[in-house]
Amino acid sequence: MALPRGVRERVAAVHGGATLPERLRLYDGWAAGYEQDVAALEYRAPHLAAASLAFAFPAPPAEARLLDVACGTGLVARELHRRGFRCLHGVDGSAGMLERARSTGLYRQLRRCVLGQEPLPAPAGGFLCLTTRSNPSNLRYKAELEAALERLEGQGAWRKVLAQEVERWERATSEEESTQGTGYISGVVYVYQKCPVPPVKEG
């Protein structure tokens, strides 16, 4: 089935070689039609992220504190809410996306924050969930994301819980982006746990 008109072009624009400020501006403009477009792409990341967190989380979901990084319009929050998670916080670099996420009413707090540019707002405990694609045009961003995560882990701030590779992440917008001619691209779900801050010793 062909993708609806304009979807391929919008995806190519935000996933292309634009600078970060330009990419954020494109996401601002895409916010209103984002959910309709990703539905056409059979975008599975929100469901996969929620499933991974439900699997990894040892505490009852209602008590779990979660930071949804690059939360977009709140698709992951909806999936998490269905699974009983209630203490949701979100960050995104796009003001337009945050406005849509705020309209869901599912987040306790939302903040504008760009991963790798600013420190993540996080309480002493909790989990961090990120997703990204593994298609050719996104490999540079994926490498930058993984480097940022490795820095956080190296600093003792976060501990990796899982990194789950997924083959059929979403429909490919071109043959070049397709994973081994499947018509889909692959992706990864990352789950990290905030490391507790050690107590300061007296004397």
N, C-alpha and C. Protein backbone atom coordinates (compact mmCIF):
# COMPACT_ATOMS: atom_id res chain seq x y z
N MET A 1 0.84 -1.19 0.00
CA MET A 1 0.00 0.00 0.00
C MET A 1 0.88 1.24 0.00
N ALA A 2 0.57 2.19 -0.88
CA ALA A 2 1.36 3.41 -0.99
C ALA A 2 1.15 4.30 0.22
N LEU A 3 2.18 5.06 0.57
CA LEU A 3 2.06 6.02 1.67
C LEU A 3 1.22 7.20 1.22
N PRO A 4 0.43 7.80 2.14
CA PRO A 4 -0.36 8.98 1.78
C PRO A 4 0.53 10.11 1.27
N ARG A 5 -0.05 10.98 0.48
CA ARG A 5 0.67 12.08 -0.15
C ARG A 5 1.38 12.95 0.89
N GLY A 6 2.63 13.25 0.65
CA GLY A 6 3.38 14.16 1.50
C GLY A 6 4.14 13.51 2.65
N VAL A 7 3.76 12.29 3.03
CA VAL A 7 4.41 11.63 4.17
C VAL A 7 5.89 11.41 3.89
N ARG A 8 6.18 10.88 2.71
CA ARG A 8 7.56 10.59 2.34
C ARG A 8 8.43 11.86 2.39
N GLU A 9 7.88 12.98 1.90
CA GLU A 9 8.62 14.23 1.87
C GLU A 9 8.85 14.79 3.27
N ARG A 10 7.83 14.70 4.13
CA ARG A 10 7.98 15.21 5.50
C ARG A 10 9.00 14.39 6.29
N VAL A 11 8.95 13.08 6.12
CA VAL A 11 9.92 12.22 6.81
C VAL A 11 11.33 12.50 6.31
N ALA A 12 11.48 12.62 5.00
CA ALA A 12 12.80 12.90 4.41
C ALA A 12 13.35 14.22 4.92
N ALA A 13 12.47 15.21 5.07
CA ALA A 13 12.92 16.54 5.52
C ALA A 13 13.47 16.49 6.95
N VAL A 14 12.75 15.85 7.87
CA VAL A 14 13.20 15.84 9.27
C VAL A 14 14.34 14.86 9.50
N HIS A 15 14.44 13.82 8.66
CA HIS A 15 15.50 12.83 8.83
C HIS A 15 16.72 13.11 7.96
N GLY A 16 16.65 14.19 7.21
CA GLY A 16 17.75 14.50 6.30
C GLY A 16 18.94 15.12 7.01
N GLY A 17 19.79 15.77 6.26
CA GLY A 17 21.03 16.29 6.81
C GLY A 17 20.92 17.68 7.41
N ALA A 18 19.71 18.08 7.83
CA ALA A 18 19.51 19.42 8.37
C ALA A 18 20.25 19.59 9.70
N THR A 19 20.59 20.83 10.01
CA THR A 19 21.20 21.13 11.31
C THR A 19 20.16 20.92 12.41
N LEU A 20 20.61 20.85 13.65
CA LEU A 20 19.69 20.62 14.77
C LEU A 20 18.61 21.71 14.86
N PRO A 21 18.94 23.00 14.82
CA PRO A 21 17.88 24.02 14.88
C PRO A 21 16.87 23.89 13.74
N GLU A 22 17.36 23.56 12.54
CA GLU A 22 16.46 23.37 11.40
C GLU A 22 15.57 22.16 11.60
N ARG A 23 16.14 21.07 12.14
CA ARG A 23 15.36 19.87 12.38
C ARG A 23 14.25 20.13 13.41
N LEU A 24 14.58 20.89 14.46
CA LEU A 24 13.58 21.21 15.48
C LEU A 24 12.47 22.08 14.89
N ARG A 25 12.85 23.00 14.01
CA ARG A 25 11.83 23.84 13.36
C ARG A 25 10.91 22.99 12.49
N LEU A 26 11.47 21.99 11.81
CA LEU A 26 10.66 21.09 10.99
C LEU A 26 9.71 20.27 11.86
N TYR A 27 10.20 19.80 13.02
CA TYR A 27 9.33 19.06 13.93
C TYR A 27 8.20 19.95 14.46
N ASP A 28 8.51 21.22 14.73
CA ASP A 28 7.45 22.15 15.17
C ASP A 28 6.33 22.21 14.13
N GLY A 29 6.73 22.31 12.88
CA GLY A 29 5.75 22.39 11.80
C GLY A 29 5.02 21.09 11.55
N TRP A 30 5.63 19.97 11.91
CA TRP A 30 5.06 18.63 11.67
C TRP A 30 4.11 18.21 12.79
N ALA A 31 4.18 18.88 13.93
CA ALA A 31 3.47 18.41 15.13
C ALA A 31 1.98 18.15 14.89
N ALA A 32 1.31 19.03 14.17
CA ALA A 32 -0.15 18.88 13.98
C ALA A 32 -0.52 17.61 13.21
N GLY A 33 0.29 17.22 12.23
CA GLY A 33 -0.03 16.05 11.43
C GLY A 33 0.82 14.83 11.73
N TYR A 34 1.65 14.92 12.78
CA TYR A 34 2.63 13.87 13.08
C TYR A 34 1.97 12.51 13.32
N GLU A 35 0.96 12.47 14.17
CA GLU A 35 0.37 11.18 14.54
C GLU A 35 -0.29 10.49 13.35
N GLN A 36 -0.92 11.26 12.49
CA GLN A 36 -1.54 10.70 11.27
C GLN A 36 -0.46 10.10 10.36
N ASP A 37 0.66 10.81 10.24
CA ASP A 37 1.74 10.33 9.37
C ASP A 37 2.40 9.06 9.93
N VAL A 38 2.69 9.04 11.24
CA VAL A 38 3.36 7.86 11.79
C VAL A 38 2.43 6.64 11.82
N ALA A 39 1.13 6.89 11.88
CA ALA A 39 0.18 5.77 11.78
C ALA A 39 0.29 5.14 10.38
N ALA A 40 0.42 5.99 9.36
CA ALA A 40 0.57 5.48 7.98
C ALA A 40 1.87 4.71 7.82
N LEU A 41 2.89 5.08 8.61
CA LEU A 41 4.19 4.41 8.55
C LEU A 41 4.23 3.12 9.38
N GLU A 42 3.11 2.83 10.07
CA GLU A 42 3.06 1.65 10.97
C GLU A 42 4.17 1.73 12.02
N TYR A 43 4.33 2.92 12.56
CA TYR A 43 5.38 3.23 13.54
C TYR A 43 5.12 2.49 14.84
N ARG A 44 6.01 1.57 15.21
CA ARG A 44 5.79 0.69 16.36
C ARG A 44 6.54 1.11 17.63
N ALA A 45 7.35 2.15 17.54
CA ALA A 45 8.20 2.52 18.68
C ALA A 45 7.43 2.76 19.98
N PRO A 46 6.31 3.50 19.98
CA PRO A 46 5.61 3.72 21.26
C PRO A 46 5.18 2.41 21.94
N HIS A 47 4.62 1.49 21.16
CA HIS A 47 4.20 0.20 21.72
C HIS A 47 5.42 -0.58 22.23
N LEU A 48 6.49 -0.61 21.45
CA LEU A 48 7.68 -1.36 21.82
C LEU A 48 8.36 -0.78 23.05
N ALA A 49 8.41 0.54 23.14
CA ALA A 49 9.01 1.19 24.31
C ALA A 49 8.23 0.86 25.57
N ALA A 50 6.90 0.95 25.49
CA ALA A 50 6.06 0.65 26.66
C ALA A 50 6.19 -0.80 27.07
N ALA A 51 6.24 -1.70 26.09
CA ALA A 51 6.38 -3.12 26.39
C ALA A 51 7.73 -3.41 27.05
N SER A 52 8.78 -2.76 26.56
CA SER A 52 10.12 -2.95 27.14
C SER A 52 10.18 -2.46 28.58
N LEU A 53 9.56 -1.31 28.83
CA LEU A 53 9.55 -0.78 30.19
C LEU A 53 8.74 -1.65 31.13
N ALA A 54 7.60 -2.13 30.65
CA ALA A 54 6.77 -3.02 31.48
C ALA A 54 7.53 -4.29 31.83
N PHE A 55 8.35 -4.78 30.90
CA PHE A 55 9.15 -5.98 31.13
C PHE A 55 10.28 -5.70 32.13
N ALA A 56 10.92 -4.52 31.98
CA ALA A 56 12.11 -4.21 32.78
C ALA A 56 11.79 -3.70 34.18
N PHE A 57 10.60 -3.20 34.39
CA PHE A 57 10.32 -2.49 35.63
C PHE A 57 9.97 -3.42 36.78
N PRO A 58 10.71 -3.35 37.89
CA PRO A 58 10.44 -4.23 39.03
C PRO A 58 9.32 -3.74 39.94
N ALA A 59 9.03 -2.44 39.91
CA ALA A 59 8.04 -1.87 40.84
C ALA A 59 6.66 -1.84 40.20
N PRO A 60 5.60 -1.71 41.02
CA PRO A 60 4.26 -1.55 40.45
C PRO A 60 4.21 -0.33 39.54
N PRO A 61 3.63 -0.44 38.35
CA PRO A 61 3.67 0.66 37.38
C PRO A 61 3.19 2.01 37.92
N ALA A 62 2.14 2.02 38.73
CA ALA A 62 1.60 3.29 39.20
C ALA A 62 2.63 4.08 40.00
N GLU A 63 3.56 3.40 40.64
CA GLU A 63 4.57 4.07 41.46
C GLU A 63 5.84 4.40 40.68
N ALA A 64 5.95 3.92 39.46
CA ALA A 64 7.17 4.08 38.67
C ALA A 64 7.32 5.51 38.17
N ARG A 65 8.51 6.06 38.30
CA ARG A 65 8.80 7.39 37.77
C ARG A 65 9.54 7.23 36.44
N LEU A 66 8.97 7.77 35.38
CA LEU A 66 9.54 7.58 34.05
C LEU A 66 9.78 8.91 33.37
N LEU A 67 10.93 9.02 32.72
CA LEU A 67 11.25 10.19 31.91
C LEU A 67 11.21 9.77 30.45
N ASP A 68 10.26 10.33 29.71
CA ASP A 68 10.08 10.03 28.29
C ASP A 68 10.89 11.05 27.50
N VAL A 69 12.05 10.61 26.99
CA VAL A 69 12.97 11.51 26.29
C VAL A 69 12.59 11.59 24.82
N ALA A 70 12.56 12.81 24.27
CA ALA A 70 12.07 13.05 22.91
C ALA A 70 10.64 12.51 22.82
N CYS A 71 9.80 13.01 23.73
CA CYS A 71 8.45 12.47 23.92
C CYS A 71 7.51 12.76 22.76
N GLY A 72 7.88 13.71 21.88
CA GLY A 72 7.02 14.00 20.74
C GLY A 72 5.63 14.44 21.17
N THR A 73 4.61 13.88 20.56
CA THR A 73 3.23 14.26 20.85
C THR A 73 2.61 13.47 22.00
N GLY A 74 3.38 12.55 22.59
CA GLY A 74 2.88 11.79 23.73
C GLY A 74 2.38 10.40 23.39
N LEU A 75 2.81 9.86 22.26
CA LEU A 75 2.37 8.51 21.86
C LEU A 75 2.81 7.45 22.87
N VAL A 76 4.05 7.57 23.37
CA VAL A 76 4.54 6.60 24.35
C VAL A 76 3.76 6.72 25.65
N ALA A 77 3.44 7.95 26.05
CA ALA A 77 2.68 8.16 27.29
C ALA A 77 1.33 7.45 27.23
N ARG A 78 0.68 7.50 26.07
CA ARG A 78 -0.61 6.82 25.94
C ARG A 78 -0.46 5.32 26.14
N GLU A 79 0.58 4.75 25.54
CA GLU A 79 0.83 3.31 25.69
C GLU A 79 1.16 2.96 27.14
N LEU A 80 1.98 3.78 27.78
CA LEU A 80 2.34 3.53 29.17
C LEU A 80 1.14 3.66 30.10
N HIS A 81 0.30 4.65 29.82
CA HIS A 81 -0.90 4.86 30.64
C HIS A 81 -1.82 3.65 30.57
N ARG A 82 -1.94 3.05 29.40
CA ARG A 82 -2.76 1.84 29.24
C ARG A 82 -2.23 0.69 30.09
N ARG A 83 -0.91 0.70 30.33
CA ARG A 83 -0.27 -0.37 31.10
C ARG A 83 -0.18 -0.05 32.59
N GLY A 84 -0.79 1.04 33.01
CA GLY A 84 -0.84 1.34 34.44
C GLY A 84 0.19 2.32 34.95
N PHE A 85 1.06 2.84 34.07
CA PHE A 85 2.05 3.82 34.51
C PHE A 85 1.38 5.19 34.64
N ARG A 86 1.66 5.88 35.74
CA ARG A 86 1.00 7.16 36.00
C ARG A 86 1.97 8.32 36.26
N CYS A 87 3.19 8.04 36.68
CA CYS A 87 4.14 9.10 37.04
C CYS A 87 5.06 9.39 35.85
N LEU A 88 4.52 10.08 34.85
CA LEU A 88 5.23 10.30 33.59
C LEU A 88 5.71 11.74 33.47
N HIS A 89 6.97 11.89 33.10
CA HIS A 89 7.57 13.19 32.82
C HIS A 89 8.12 13.12 31.40
N GLY A 90 8.11 14.25 30.70
CA GLY A 90 8.58 14.23 29.32
C GLY A 90 9.47 15.40 28.98
N VAL A 91 10.40 15.17 28.05
CA VAL A 91 11.22 16.25 27.49
C VAL A 91 11.28 16.09 25.97
N ASP A 92 11.36 17.21 25.29
CA ASP A 92 11.51 17.20 23.83
C ASP A 92 12.15 18.51 23.42
N GLY A 93 12.84 18.49 22.30
CA GLY A 93 13.47 19.71 21.80
C GLY A 93 12.53 20.61 21.04
N SER A 94 11.37 20.08 20.63
CA SER A 94 10.42 20.82 19.80
C SER A 94 9.27 21.37 20.64
N ALA A 95 9.12 22.69 20.63
CA ALA A 95 8.03 23.32 21.36
C ALA A 95 6.66 22.89 20.81
N GLY A 96 6.59 22.70 19.49
CA GLY A 96 5.33 22.27 18.87
C GLY A 96 4.92 20.88 19.33
N MET A 97 5.88 19.98 19.41
CA MET A 97 5.60 18.62 19.88
C MET A 97 5.19 18.65 21.36
N LEU A 98 5.87 19.45 22.16
CA LEU A 98 5.54 19.54 23.59
C LEU A 98 4.12 20.05 23.81
N GLU A 99 3.70 20.99 22.97
CA GLU A 99 2.34 21.52 23.08
C GLU A 99 1.32 20.40 22.86
N ARG A 100 1.57 19.55 21.87
CA ARG A 100 0.67 18.40 21.62
C ARG A 100 0.72 17.41 22.78
N ALA A 101 1.93 17.15 23.30
CA ALA A 101 2.07 16.23 24.43
C ALA A 101 1.32 16.75 25.65
N ARG A 102 1.38 18.06 25.87
CA ARG A 102 0.70 18.68 27.02
C ARG A 102 -0.82 18.48 26.91
N SER A 103 -1.34 18.51 25.70
CA SER A 103 -2.79 18.38 25.50
C SER A 103 -3.32 16.99 25.87
N THR A 104 -2.42 15.99 26.00
CA THR A 104 -2.87 14.65 26.39
C THR A 104 -3.27 14.60 27.86
N GLY A 105 -2.67 15.48 28.67
CA GLY A 105 -2.95 15.48 30.11
C GLY A 105 -2.34 14.31 30.85
N LEU A 106 -1.41 13.60 30.23
CA LEU A 106 -0.84 12.38 30.83
C LEU A 106 0.49 12.60 31.54
N TYR A 107 1.12 13.74 31.30
CA TYR A 107 2.43 14.00 31.90
C TYR A 107 2.29 14.87 33.15
N ARG A 108 3.06 14.53 34.18
CA ARG A 108 3.10 15.38 35.37
C ARG A 108 3.90 16.64 35.11
N GLN A 109 4.93 16.50 34.27
CA GLN A 109 5.77 17.65 33.94
C GLN A 109 6.34 17.47 32.54
N LEU A 110 6.39 18.56 31.79
CA LEU A 110 7.00 18.56 30.46
C LEU A 110 7.99 19.71 30.38
N ARG A 111 9.15 19.43 29.78
CA ARG A 111 10.18 20.46 29.66
C ARG A 111 10.82 20.40 28.29
N ARG A 112 11.24 21.56 27.81
CA ARG A 112 12.00 21.59 26.56
C ARG A 112 13.46 21.28 26.88
N CYS A 113 14.00 20.26 26.23
CA CYS A 113 15.37 19.82 26.50
C CYS A 113 15.86 19.03 25.29
N VAL A 114 17.09 19.29 24.86
CA VAL A 114 17.68 18.57 23.73
C VAL A 114 18.78 17.66 24.27
N LEU A 115 18.62 16.35 24.05
CA LEU A 115 19.59 15.38 24.54
C LEU A 115 20.97 15.66 23.96
N GLY A 116 21.97 15.68 24.84
CA GLY A 116 23.33 15.94 24.41
C GLY A 116 23.70 17.41 24.47
N GLN A 117 22.69 18.29 24.49
CA GLN A 117 22.93 19.74 24.56
C GLN A 117 22.73 20.27 25.98
N GLU A 118 21.80 19.65 26.72
CA GLU A 118 21.45 20.10 28.06
C GLU A 118 21.34 18.88 28.98
N PRO A 119 21.56 19.07 30.29
CA PRO A 119 21.41 17.94 31.21
C PRO A 119 19.95 17.51 31.30
N LEU A 120 19.74 16.21 31.44
CA LEU A 120 18.38 15.69 31.56
C LEU A 120 17.81 15.99 32.95
N PRO A 121 16.59 16.50 33.02
CA PRO A 121 15.97 16.71 34.33
C PRO A 121 15.48 15.37 34.87
N ALA A 122 16.09 14.89 35.93
CA ALA A 122 15.73 13.56 36.43
C ALA A 122 15.80 13.52 37.94
N PRO A 123 14.86 12.85 38.58
CA PRO A 123 14.91 12.68 40.03
C PRO A 123 15.99 11.68 40.42
N ALA A 124 16.13 11.42 41.71
CA ALA A 124 17.19 10.51 42.19
C ALA A 124 17.01 9.09 41.66
N GLY A 125 15.77 8.68 41.42
CA GLY A 125 15.54 7.34 40.89
C GLY A 125 14.67 7.40 39.69
N GLY A 126 14.46 6.30 39.01
CA GLY A 126 13.57 6.30 37.86
C GLY A 126 14.23 5.69 36.64
N PHE A 127 13.45 5.63 35.57
CA PHE A 127 13.91 5.00 34.34
C PHE A 127 13.82 5.99 33.19
N LEU A 128 14.69 5.79 32.23
CA LEU A 128 14.79 6.61 31.03
C LEU A 128 14.54 5.70 29.83
N CYS A 129 13.67 6.13 28.93
CA CYS A 129 13.40 5.32 27.74
C CYS A 129 13.59 6.16 26.50
N LEU A 130 14.38 5.63 25.56
CA LEU A 130 14.60 6.29 24.28
C LEU A 130 14.44 5.28 23.16
N THR A 131 14.06 5.76 22.00
CA THR A 131 13.99 4.89 20.83
C THR A 131 14.63 5.62 19.66
N THR A 132 15.19 4.86 18.73
CA THR A 132 15.72 5.48 17.51
C THR A 132 15.73 4.46 16.39
N ARG A 133 15.80 4.96 15.17
CA ARG A 133 15.82 4.10 13.98
C ARG A 133 17.25 3.73 13.62
N SER A 134 17.40 2.60 12.90
CA SER A 134 18.72 2.13 12.47
C SER A 134 18.88 2.19 10.95
N ASN A 135 18.02 2.96 10.27
CA ASN A 135 18.12 3.07 8.81
C ASN A 135 19.32 3.93 8.41
N PRO A 136 19.81 3.78 7.17
CA PRO A 136 21.05 4.46 6.76
C PRO A 136 21.08 5.97 7.02
N SER A 137 19.98 6.68 6.75
CA SER A 137 20.01 8.14 6.91
C SER A 137 20.01 8.57 8.37
N ASN A 138 19.75 7.64 9.29
CA ASN A 138 19.71 7.99 10.71
C ASN A 138 20.93 7.48 11.48
N LEU A 139 21.87 6.85 10.79
CA LEU A 139 22.99 6.22 11.50
C LEU A 139 23.88 7.23 12.23
N ARG A 140 24.04 8.42 11.65
CA ARG A 140 24.86 9.42 12.34
C ARG A 140 24.21 9.86 13.64
N TYR A 141 22.90 10.13 13.58
CA TYR A 141 22.18 10.53 14.81
C TYR A 141 22.21 9.40 15.83
N LYS A 142 22.01 8.16 15.38
CA LYS A 142 22.03 7.00 16.28
C LYS A 142 23.38 6.90 16.99
N ALA A 143 24.47 7.13 16.24
CA ALA A 143 25.81 7.08 16.83
C ALA A 143 25.99 8.19 17.87
N GLU A 144 25.46 9.38 17.58
CA GLU A 144 25.54 10.50 18.52
C GLU A 144 24.74 10.20 19.79
N LEU A 145 23.56 9.61 19.60
CA LEU A 145 22.72 9.24 20.74
C LEU A 145 23.42 8.22 21.62
N GLU A 146 23.97 7.19 21.00
CA GLU A 146 24.64 6.15 21.76
C GLU A 146 25.88 6.69 22.48
N ALA A 147 26.58 7.64 21.85
CA ALA A 147 27.74 8.26 22.51
C ALA A 147 27.29 9.06 23.74
N ALA A 148 26.16 9.77 23.62
CA ALA A 148 25.64 10.52 24.76
C ALA A 148 25.23 9.59 25.90
N LEU A 149 24.61 8.46 25.55
CA LEU A 149 24.22 7.48 26.56
C LEU A 149 25.43 6.86 27.23
N GLU A 150 26.46 6.59 26.43
CA GLU A 150 27.68 6.02 27.00
C GLU A 150 28.35 7.00 27.96
N ARG A 151 28.28 8.30 27.64
CA ARG A 151 28.84 9.31 28.55
C ARG A 151 28.08 9.32 29.87
N LEU A 152 26.74 9.27 29.79
CA LEU A 152 25.93 9.25 31.02
C LEU A 152 26.25 8.02 31.86
N GLU A 153 26.43 6.89 31.18
CA GLU A 153 26.75 5.65 31.89
C GLU A 153 28.16 5.72 32.48
N GLY A 154 29.10 6.28 31.71
CA GLY A 154 30.48 6.41 32.17
C GLY A 154 30.61 7.34 33.37
N GLN A 155 29.72 8.34 33.44
CA GLN A 155 29.72 9.27 34.57
C GLN A 155 29.05 8.68 35.80
N GLY A 156 28.50 7.47 35.65
CA GLY A 156 27.81 6.84 36.77
C GLY A 156 26.42 7.38 37.02
N ALA A 157 25.87 8.15 36.04
CA ALA A 157 24.55 8.76 36.22
C ALA A 157 23.42 7.78 35.91
N TRP A 158 23.62 6.94 34.88
CA TRP A 158 22.59 6.00 34.44
C TRP A 158 23.19 4.63 34.20
N ARG A 159 22.38 3.59 34.37
CA ARG A 159 22.80 2.22 34.12
C ARG A 159 21.92 1.61 33.04
N LYS A 160 22.53 1.00 32.02
CA LYS A 160 21.73 0.42 30.93
C LYS A 160 21.01 -0.83 31.41
N VAL A 161 19.69 -0.86 31.18
CA VAL A 161 18.88 -2.03 31.53
C VAL A 161 18.72 -2.92 30.31
N LEU A 162 18.44 -2.31 29.17
CA LEU A 162 18.35 -3.10 27.93
C LEU A 162 18.49 -2.22 26.71
N ALA A 163 18.92 -2.83 25.62
CA ALA A 163 18.94 -2.21 24.30
C ALA A 163 18.39 -3.27 23.35
N GLN A 164 17.14 -3.11 22.97
CA GLN A 164 16.44 -4.14 22.18
C GLN A 164 16.37 -3.74 20.71
N GLU A 165 16.98 -4.54 19.85
CA GLU A 165 16.91 -4.32 18.40
C GLU A 165 15.58 -4.84 17.87
N VAL A 166 14.95 -4.07 17.00
CA VAL A 166 13.65 -4.45 16.43
C VAL A 166 13.73 -4.36 14.92
N GLU A 167 13.37 -5.43 14.22
CA GLU A 167 13.51 -5.44 12.76
C GLU A 167 12.45 -4.59 12.06
N ARG A 168 11.19 -4.84 12.33
CA ARG A 168 10.13 -4.10 11.61
C ARG A 168 9.66 -2.93 12.46
N TRP A 169 10.47 -1.88 12.44
CA TRP A 169 10.24 -0.70 13.26
C TRP A 169 9.12 0.18 12.69
N GLU A 170 9.27 0.46 11.39
CA GLU A 170 8.26 1.22 10.67
C GLU A 170 8.48 1.03 9.18
N ARG A 171 7.51 1.42 8.38
CA ARG A 171 7.65 1.28 6.94
C ARG A 171 8.73 2.20 6.42
N ALA A 172 9.52 1.71 5.49
CA ALA A 172 10.57 2.51 4.85
C ALA A 172 9.94 3.47 3.85
N THR A 173 10.53 4.66 3.74
CA THR A 173 10.01 5.63 2.77
C THR A 173 10.73 5.54 1.43
N SER A 174 11.76 4.69 1.35
CA SER A 174 12.44 4.46 0.08
C SER A 174 13.12 3.10 0.12
N GLU A 175 13.48 2.59 -1.04
CA GLU A 175 14.15 1.30 -1.13
C GLU A 175 15.53 1.36 -0.46
N GLU A 176 16.18 2.53 -0.55
CA GLU A 176 17.52 2.70 0.04
C GLU A 176 17.48 2.59 1.56
N GLU A 177 16.34 3.01 2.15
CA GLU A 177 16.21 2.98 3.61
C GLU A 177 15.75 1.62 4.12
N SER A 178 15.20 0.80 3.25
CA SER A 178 14.65 -0.50 3.62
C SER A 178 15.73 -1.46 4.11
N THR A 179 15.40 -2.23 5.15
CA THR A 179 16.32 -3.23 5.68
C THR A 179 16.23 -4.50 4.84
N GLN A 180 17.26 -4.79 4.09
CA GLN A 180 17.35 -6.00 3.27
C GLN A 180 16.11 -6.25 2.41
N GLY A 181 15.59 -5.16 1.84
CA GLY A 181 14.47 -5.27 0.91
C GLY A 181 13.14 -5.67 1.53
N THR A 182 13.00 -5.52 2.85
CA THR A 182 11.75 -5.92 3.53
C THR A 182 10.64 -4.90 3.38
N GLY A 183 11.01 -3.66 3.01
CA GLY A 183 10.02 -2.58 2.97
C GLY A 183 9.88 -1.89 4.31
N TYR A 184 10.64 -2.33 5.31
CA TYR A 184 10.62 -1.73 6.65
C TYR A 184 12.04 -1.33 7.04
N ILE A 185 12.12 -0.45 8.04
CA ILE A 185 13.42 -0.13 8.63
C ILE A 185 13.45 -0.69 10.04
N SER A 186 14.67 -0.87 10.56
CA SER A 186 14.83 -1.40 11.91
C SER A 186 15.04 -0.26 12.91
N GLY A 187 15.03 -0.60 14.20
CA GLY A 187 15.21 0.41 15.24
C GLY A 187 15.66 -0.23 16.54
N VAL A 188 15.84 0.61 17.56
CA VAL A 188 16.31 0.15 18.86
C VAL A 188 15.53 0.83 19.97
N VAL A 189 15.20 0.07 21.02
CA VAL A 189 14.64 0.62 22.25
C VAL A 189 15.73 0.56 23.31
N TYR A 190 16.00 1.69 23.96
CA TYR A 190 16.97 1.74 25.06
C TYR A 190 16.23 2.03 26.36
N VAL A 191 16.55 1.29 27.40
CA VAL A 191 16.02 1.57 28.74
C VAL A 191 17.21 1.69 29.69
N TYR A 192 17.27 2.82 30.40
CA TYR A 192 18.32 3.08 31.39
C TYR A 192 17.68 3.36 32.75
N GLN A 193 18.39 3.01 33.81
CA GLN A 193 17.93 3.29 35.17
C GLN A 193 18.83 4.33 35.80
N LYS A 194 18.23 5.32 36.46
CA LYS A 194 19.01 6.36 37.15
C LYS A 194 19.74 5.73 38.32
N CYS A 195 21.02 6.00 38.41
CA CYS A 195 21.82 5.47 39.52
C CYS A 195 21.64 6.37 40.74
N PRO A 196 21.45 5.78 41.92
CA PRO A 196 21.31 6.60 43.12
C PRO A 196 22.60 7.36 43.42
N VAL A 197 22.43 8.57 43.94
CA VAL A 197 23.59 9.37 44.31
C VAL A 197 24.10 8.86 45.65
N PRO A 198 25.40 8.49 45.74
CA PRO A 198 25.91 7.98 47.01
C PRO A 198 25.88 9.04 48.09
N PRO A 199 25.58 8.67 49.34
CA PRO A 199 25.53 9.66 50.42
C PRO A 199 26.90 10.29 50.68
N VAL A 200 26.88 11.54 51.05
CA VAL A 200 28.13 12.24 51.36
C VAL A 200 28.59 11.82 52.76
N LYS A 201 29.85 11.39 52.86
CA LYS A 201 30.37 10.93 54.15
C LYS A 201 30.73 12.14 55.01
N GLU A 202 30.35 12.06 56.27
CA GLU A 202 30.69 13.11 57.24
C GLU A 202 32.14 12.95 57.68
N GLY A 203 32.79 14.07 57.95
CA GLY A 203 34.15 14.04 58.49
C GLY A 203 35.10 13.57 57.46
